[in-house]
Amino acid sequence: MKLLFNFKIDQLYGTKFLAISGDIDKIHFNNKFSKNLIYGNKICHGLLLIL
């Protein structure tokens, strides 16, 4: 089976999901906090990857 669609998860999409989910973990939206972690950048909410 091959997926026939793709989408980009940008800052606006992530911010909207943050408001809906209430997940306020800094790793998802704070550049200053996230740059010192293992990935060096913000990471996507896991739930967004299965939508």
Protein backbone atom coordinates (compact mmCIF):
# COMPACT_ATOMS: atom_id res chain seq x y z
CA MET A 1 0.00 0.00 0.00
CA LYS A 2 1.28 3.45 -0.87
CA LEU A 3 0.15 6.71 0.72
CA LEU A 4 -1.07 9.17 -1.87
CA PHE A 5 -0.96 12.35 0.15
CA ASN A 6 1.41 14.39 2.23
CA PHE A 7 1.26 17.54 4.28
CA LYS A 8 3.63 19.87 6.01
CA ILE A 9 3.36 20.35 9.75
CA ASP A 10 4.27 24.01 10.17
CA GLN A 11 4.23 26.31 13.18
CA LEU A 12 0.63 27.43 12.65
CA TYR A 13 -0.60 23.83 12.41
CA GLY A 14 1.31 22.95 15.59
CA THR A 15 -0.03 26.00 17.42
CA LYS A 16 -3.60 25.13 16.50
CA PHE A 17 -3.10 21.59 17.74
CA LEU A 18 -1.57 22.94 20.95
CA ALA A 19 -4.71 25.00 21.59
CA ILE A 20 -7.00 22.03 20.93
CA SER A 21 -5.04 19.41 22.86
CA GLY A 22 -3.88 21.53 25.78
CA ASP A 23 -0.42 19.89 25.53
CA ILE A 24 1.82 22.76 26.60
CA ASP A 25 5.11 20.88 26.77
CA LYS A 26 7.84 23.37 25.80
CA ILE A 27 9.51 20.86 23.50
CA HIS A 28 6.69 21.42 21.01
CA PHE A 29 6.64 25.22 20.83
CA ASN A 30 9.64 26.87 22.52
CA ASN A 31 12.74 27.29 20.34
CA LYS A 32 14.98 28.50 23.15
CA PHE A 33 14.10 25.54 25.38
CA SER A 34 14.22 22.93 22.63
CA LYS A 35 17.55 23.88 21.07
CA ASN A 36 19.44 22.41 24.05
CA LEU A 37 17.74 19.02 23.88
CA ILE A 38 18.80 15.90 21.98
CA TYR A 39 17.07 16.87 18.71
CA GLY A 40 18.24 20.48 18.76
CA ASN A 41 14.87 21.79 17.68
CA LYS A 42 11.17 21.63 18.45
CA ILE A 43 9.48 18.31 17.81
CA CYS A 44 6.05 17.57 16.45
CA HIS A 45 3.26 16.31 18.68
CA GLY A 46 3.20 12.55 18.17
CA LEU A 47 -0.53 12.53 17.54
CA LEU A 48 -0.09 14.78 14.49
CA LEU A 49 2.00 12.08 12.83
CA ILE A 50 -0.87 9.60 12.74
CA LEU A 51 -3.55 11.97 11.43
